[in-house]
């Protein structure tokens, strides 16, 4: 068998075996066209929403809901060659699927963490957003969030990542 056929068979195996569900131990995610697939080991850290103008434009919504996972708990299953990156002059980066345009996980700068757009996961095990950042630059038509921690900008990055990594309490 050639490499392309083996690659396609591996993608089908992952789809059939996992069907992109939350198992309690491993979460599987994918972009809209399902060419890009990944998994996260263990419980998902707390969720946050970023209300800055760049995240609003990237998501097309009031905020971008995401989390940050330790890079050791993250694995690509398929489609890394389908990822493209765009960089803004400000340093903002958008990694996305070249086929469907979905934002996809990407390294958090030079830190040992991966940014995860949680909309790519069918189930997260969470019900609440823990924090809202850059609420000071939210859209004029958006109401101020009333649950979770609310920040006009963002806490210091290492402090924020540490808060997200704390266990979720019921």
C-alpha atoms as a PDB file:
ATOM      1  CA  UNK A   1       0.000   0.000   0.000  1.00  0.00           C
ATOM      2  CA  UNK A   2       1.210   3.504  -0.723  1.00  0.00           C
ATOM      3  CA  UNK A   3       1.615   6.153   2.003  1.00  0.00           C
ATOM      4  CA  UNK A   4      -1.414   8.187   0.898  1.00  0.00           C
ATOM      5  CA  UNK A   5      -3.713   5.173   1.133  1.00  0.00           C
ATOM      6  CA  UNK A   6      -2.275   4.226   4.534  1.00  0.00           C
ATOM      7  CA  UNK A   7      -2.845   7.785   5.732  1.00  0.00           C
ATOM      8  CA  UNK A   8      -6.481   7.721   4.561  1.00  0.00           C
ATOM      9  CA  UNK A   9      -7.047   4.350   6.235  1.00  0.00           C
ATOM     10  CA  UNK A  10      -5.607   5.697   9.495  1.00  0.00           C
ATOM     11  CA  UNK A  11      -8.000   8.674   9.367  1.00  0.00           C
ATOM     12  CA  UNK A  12     -10.945   6.318   8.810  1.00  0.00           C
ATOM     13  CA  UNK A  13      -9.790   4.090  11.681  1.00  0.00           C
ATOM     14  CA  UNK A  14      -9.651   7.055  14.046  1.00  0.00           C
ATOM     15  CA  UNK A  15     -13.090   8.263  12.935  1.00  0.00           C
ATOM     16  CA  UNK A  16     -14.712   4.861  13.394  1.00  0.00           C
ATOM     17  CA  UNK A  17     -12.920   4.032  16.626  1.00  0.00           C
ATOM     18  CA  UNK A  18     -13.454   7.337  18.406  1.00  0.00           C
ATOM     19  CA  UNK A  19     -16.267   9.146  16.588  1.00  0.00           C
ATOM     20  CA  UNK A  20     -14.968  12.316  18.193  1.00  0.00           C
ATOM     21  CA  UNK A  21     -16.441  11.701  21.633  1.00  0.00           C
ATOM     22  CA  UNK A  22     -15.440  12.451  25.212  1.00  0.00           C
ATOM     23  CA  UNK A  23     -14.485   9.246  27.011  1.00  0.00           C
ATOM     24  CA  UNK A  24     -13.530  10.715  30.387  1.00  0.00           C
ATOM     25  CA  UNK A  25      -9.883   9.856  29.769  1.00  0.00           C
ATOM     26  CA  UNK A  26      -9.273  11.159  26.271  1.00  0.00           C
ATOM     27  CA  UNK A  27     -11.085  13.823  24.285  1.00  0.00           C
ATOM     28  CA  UNK A  28     -11.047  13.793  20.512  1.00  0.00           C
ATOM     29  CA  UNK A  29     -11.503  16.928  18.426  1.00  0.00           C
ATOM     30  CA  UNK A  30     -11.646  17.835  14.771  1.00  0.00           C
ATOM     31  CA  UNK A  31     -12.203  20.728  12.417  1.00  0.00           C
ATOM     32  CA  UNK A  32     -15.422  21.113  10.433  1.00  0.00           C
ATOM     33  CA  UNK A  33     -14.244  19.029   7.450  1.00  0.00           C
ATOM     34  CA  UNK A  34     -12.625  16.494   9.842  1.00  0.00           C
ATOM     35  CA  UNK A  35      -9.309  16.516   7.979  1.00  0.00           C
ATOM     36  CA  UNK A  36      -7.573  17.814  11.117  1.00  0.00           C
ATOM     37  CA  UNK A  37      -7.971  15.616  14.188  1.00  0.00           C
ATOM     38  CA  UNK A  38      -6.363  15.642  17.621  1.00  0.00           C
ATOM     39  CA  UNK A  39      -6.711  14.176  21.084  1.00  0.00           C
ATOM     40  CA  UNK A  40      -6.205  15.427  24.627  1.00  0.00           C
ATOM     41  CA  UNK A  41      -5.372  13.074  27.502  1.00  0.00           C
ATOM     42  CA  UNK A  42      -7.062  13.573  30.857  1.00  0.00           C
ATOM     43  CA  UNK A  43      -9.536  16.143  32.081  1.00  0.00           C
ATOM     44  CA  UNK A  44      -9.830  19.353  30.125  1.00  0.00           C
ATOM     45  CA  UNK A  45      -8.634  22.473  31.988  1.00  0.00           C
ATOM     46  CA  UNK A  46     -11.044  25.296  32.763  1.00  0.00           C
ATOM     47  CA  UNK A  47     -12.561  27.202  29.849  1.00  0.00           C
ATOM     48  CA  UNK A  48     -12.254  30.896  29.113  1.00  0.00           C
ATOM     49  CA  UNK A  49     -13.668  33.308  26.580  1.00  0.00           C
ATOM     50  CA  UNK A  50     -11.637  36.051  24.942  1.00  0.00           C
ATOM     51  CA  UNK A  51     -13.678  39.086  23.902  1.00  0.00           C
ATOM     52  CA  UNK A  52     -10.885  41.006  22.108  1.00  0.00           C
ATOM     53  CA  UNK A  53     -11.550  42.268  18.586  1.00  0.00           C
ATOM     54  CA  UNK A  54      -9.118  39.811  16.991  1.00  0.00           C
ATOM     55  CA  UNK A  55     -10.746  36.762  18.612  1.00  0.00           C
ATOM     56  CA  UNK A  56     -14.197  38.092  17.697  1.00  0.00           C
ATOM     57  CA  UNK A  57     -13.154  38.418  14.075  1.00  0.00           C
ATOM     58  CA  UNK A  58     -11.460  35.013  14.063  1.00  0.00           C
ATOM     59  CA  UNK A  59     -14.538  33.288  15.507  1.00  0.00           C
ATOM     60  CA  UNK A  60     -17.264  35.446  13.984  1.00  0.00           C
ATOM     61  CA  UNK A  61     -18.944  35.549  17.409  1.00  0.00           C
ATOM     62  CA  UNK A  62     -18.954  37.623  20.609  1.00  0.00           C
ATOM     63  CA  UNK A  63     -15.966  35.684  21.951  1.00  0.00           C
ATOM     64  CA  UNK A  64     -13.600  32.827  21.292  1.00  0.00           C
ATOM     65  CA  UNK A  65     -14.076  29.986  23.823  1.00  0.00           C
ATOM     66  CA  UNK A  66     -10.833  28.155  24.504  1.00  0.00           C
ATOM     67  CA  UNK A  67      -8.533  26.522  27.014  1.00  0.00           C
ATOM     68  CA  UNK A  68      -4.841  25.789  27.323  1.00  0.00           C
ATOM     69  CA  UNK A  69      -3.489  22.248  27.785  1.00  0.00           C
ATOM     70  CA  UNK A  70      -0.039  20.959  28.626  1.00  0.00           C
ATOM     71  CA  UNK A  71       1.689  20.033  25.362  1.00  0.00           C
ATOM     72  CA  UNK A  72       2.480  16.566  26.758  1.00  0.00           C
ATOM     73  CA  UNK A  73      -1.261  15.822  26.918  1.00  0.00           C
ATOM     74  CA  UNK A  74      -1.906  16.831  23.301  1.00  0.00           C
ATOM     75  CA  UNK A  75      -1.464  14.703  20.170  1.00  0.00           C
ATOM     76  CA  UNK A  76      -2.265  15.224  16.517  1.00  0.00           C
ATOM     77  CA  UNK A  77      -4.139  12.289  14.972  1.00  0.00           C
ATOM     78  CA  UNK A  78      -4.403  13.571  11.401  1.00  0.00           C
ATOM     79  CA  UNK A  79      -4.113  16.581   9.162  1.00  0.00           C
ATOM     80  CA  UNK A  80      -1.123  18.587  10.375  1.00  0.00           C
ATOM     81  CA  UNK A  81      -0.172  19.224   6.746  1.00  0.00           C
ATOM     82  CA  UNK A  82      -3.604  20.849   6.321  1.00  0.00           C
ATOM     83  CA  UNK A  83      -2.793  23.653   8.804  1.00  0.00           C
ATOM     84  CA  UNK A  84      -1.899  27.150   7.676  1.00  0.00           C
ATOM     85  CA  UNK A  85      -0.913  30.122   9.836  1.00  0.00           C
ATOM     86  CA  UNK A  86      -1.590  33.830   9.536  1.00  0.00           C
ATOM     87  CA  UNK A  87       0.208  36.380  11.737  1.00  0.00           C
ATOM     88  CA  UNK A  88      -0.998  39.897  12.539  1.00  0.00           C
ATOM     89  CA  UNK A  89       1.490  42.725  13.115  1.00  0.00           C
ATOM     90  CA  UNK A  90       0.428  42.676  16.787  1.00  0.00           C
ATOM     91  CA  UNK A  91       1.744  39.110  17.209  1.00  0.00           C
ATOM     92  CA  UNK A  92      -1.736  37.525  17.117  1.00  0.00           C
ATOM     93  CA  UNK A  93      -1.584  34.235  15.237  1.00  0.00           C
ATOM     94  CA  UNK A  94      -4.378  32.278  13.652  1.00  0.00           C
ATOM     95  CA  UNK A  95      -3.771  28.629  12.796  1.00  0.00           C
ATOM     96  CA  UNK A  96      -6.547  27.213  10.642  1.00  0.00           C
ATOM     97  CA  UNK A  97      -7.572  24.332   8.394  1.00  0.00           C
ATOM     98  CA  UNK A  98      -6.764  25.137   4.770  1.00  0.00           C
ATOM     99  CA  UNK A  99      -9.897  23.282   3.613  1.00  0.00           C
ATOM    100  CA  UNK A 100     -12.693  24.474   5.936  1.00  0.00           C
ATOM    101  CA  UNK A 101     -11.075  27.509   7.622  1.00  0.00           C
ATOM    102  CA  UNK A 102     -11.708  26.385  11.223  1.00  0.00           C
ATOM    103  CA  UNK A 103      -9.276  27.695  13.819  1.00  0.00           C
ATOM    104  CA  UNK A 104      -7.246  24.760  15.130  1.00  0.00           C
ATOM    105  CA  UNK A 105      -5.033  24.092  18.167  1.00  0.00           C
ATOM    106  CA  UNK A 106      -1.648  25.768  18.149  1.00  0.00           C
ATOM    107  CA  UNK A 107       1.397  26.226  20.383  1.00  0.00           C
ATOM    108  CA  UNK A 108       1.116  29.002  22.970  1.00  0.00           C
ATOM    109  CA  UNK A 109       4.228  30.938  21.985  1.00  0.00           C
ATOM    110  CA  UNK A 110       7.384  29.257  23.285  1.00  0.00           C
ATOM    111  CA  UNK A 111       5.589  27.820  26.311  1.00  0.00           C
ATOM    112  CA  UNK A 112       4.931  24.079  26.801  1.00  0.00           C
ATOM    113  CA  UNK A 113       1.187  24.584  26.243  1.00  0.00           C
ATOM    114  CA  UNK A 114      -1.263  24.236  23.374  1.00  0.00           C
ATOM    115  CA  UNK A 115      -4.188  26.629  22.827  1.00  0.00           C
ATOM    116  CA  UNK A 116      -7.388  24.666  22.168  1.00  0.00           C
ATOM    117  CA  UNK A 117     -10.509  26.190  20.566  1.00  0.00           C
ATOM    118  CA  UNK A 118     -13.024  24.114  22.516  1.00  0.00           C
ATOM    119  CA  UNK A 119     -15.696  24.315  19.844  1.00  0.00           C
ATOM    120  CA  UNK A 120     -13.725  21.596  18.039  1.00  0.00           C
ATOM    121  CA  UNK A 121     -14.543  19.136  20.848  1.00  0.00           C
ATOM    122  CA  UNK A 122     -17.962  17.477  20.750  1.00  0.00           C
ATOM    123  CA  UNK A 123     -17.966  17.167  24.548  1.00  0.00           C
ATOM    124  CA  UNK A 124     -15.799  18.831  27.172  1.00  0.00           C
ATOM    125  CA  UNK A 125     -17.179  17.675  30.511  1.00  0.00           C
ATOM    126  CA  UNK A 126     -17.647  21.370  31.447  1.00  0.00           C
ATOM    127  CA  UNK A 127     -20.772  23.445  31.834  1.00  0.00           C
ATOM    128  CA  UNK A 128     -19.342  26.845  32.729  1.00  0.00           C
ATOM    129  CA  UNK A 129     -16.828  29.334  31.405  1.00  0.00           C
ATOM    130  CA  UNK A 130     -14.343  30.041  34.203  1.00  0.00           C
ATOM    131  CA  UNK A 131     -13.076  33.441  32.997  1.00  0.00           C
ATOM    132  CA  UNK A 132     -13.765  36.179  30.469  1.00  0.00           C
ATOM    133  CA  UNK A 133     -10.773  38.188  29.248  1.00  0.00           C
ATOM    134  CA  UNK A 134     -10.507  41.454  27.334  1.00  0.00           C
ATOM    135  CA  UNK A 135     -14.075  42.334  28.290  1.00  0.00           C
ATOM    136  CA  UNK A 136     -12.966  45.978  28.146  1.00  0.00           C
ATOM    137  CA  UNK A 137     -12.806  45.630  24.360  1.00  0.00           C
ATOM    138  CA  UNK A 138     -15.968  43.558  23.872  1.00  0.00           C
ATOM    139  CA  UNK A 139     -18.311  44.412  21.016  1.00  0.00           C
ATOM    140  CA  UNK A 140     -20.721  47.312  21.617  1.00  0.00           C
ATOM    141  CA  UNK A 141     -23.672  44.971  21.036  1.00  0.00           C
ATOM    142  CA  UNK A 142     -22.462  42.367  23.554  1.00  0.00           C
ATOM    143  CA  UNK A 143     -23.712  42.276  27.149  1.00  0.00           C
ATOM    144  CA  UNK A 144     -21.088  42.134  29.879  1.00  0.00           C
ATOM    145  CA  UNK A 145     -20.712  38.538  31.121  1.00  0.00           C
ATOM    146  CA  UNK A 146     -22.368  37.921  34.492  1.00  0.00           C
ATOM    147  CA  UNK A 147     -20.743  34.611  35.429  1.00  0.00           C
ATOM    148  CA  UNK A 148     -17.149  33.574  35.964  1.00  0.00           C
ATOM    149  CA  UNK A 149     -14.184  35.857  36.521  1.00  0.00           C
ATOM    150  CA  UNK A 150     -14.306  38.990  34.370  1.00  0.00           C
ATOM    151  CA  UNK A 151     -11.147  40.878  33.342  1.00  0.00           C
ATOM    152  CA  UNK A 152     -10.977  44.123  31.367  1.00  0.00           C
ATOM    153  CA  UNK A 153      -7.713  42.876  29.831  1.00  0.00           C
ATOM    154  CA  UNK A 154      -5.927  39.654  30.821  1.00  0.00           C
ATOM    155  CA  UNK A 155      -4.101  38.579  33.972  1.00  0.00           C
ATOM    156  CA  UNK A 156      -0.357  37.960  33.748  1.00  0.00           C
ATOM    157  CA  UNK A 157      -0.009  34.969  31.405  1.00  0.00           C
ATOM    158  CA  UNK A 158       1.656  32.474  33.774  1.00  0.00           C
ATOM    159  CA  UNK A 159      -0.921  33.329  36.482  1.00  0.00           C
ATOM    160  CA  UNK A 160      -3.767  32.909  33.999  1.00  0.00           C
ATOM    161  CA  UNK A 161      -2.484  29.537  32.736  1.00  0.00           C
ATOM    162  CA  UNK A 162      -2.095  28.350  36.351  1.00  0.00           C
ATOM    163  CA  UNK A 163      -5.719  29.348  37.092  1.00  0.00           C
ATOM    164  CA  UNK A 164      -6.945  27.411  34.055  1.00  0.00           C
ATOM    165  CA  UNK A 165      -5.013  24.300  35.104  1.00  0.00           C
ATOM    166  CA  UNK A 166      -6.692  24.110  38.530  1.00  0.00           C
ATOM    167  CA  UNK A 167      -9.163  21.212  38.890  1.00  0.00           C
ATOM    168  CA  UNK A 168     -12.745  22.017  37.964  1.00  0.00           C
ATOM    169  CA  UNK A 169     -14.976  21.883  41.024  1.00  0.00           C
ATOM    170  CA  UNK A 170     -18.605  20.736  40.654  1.00  0.00           C
END
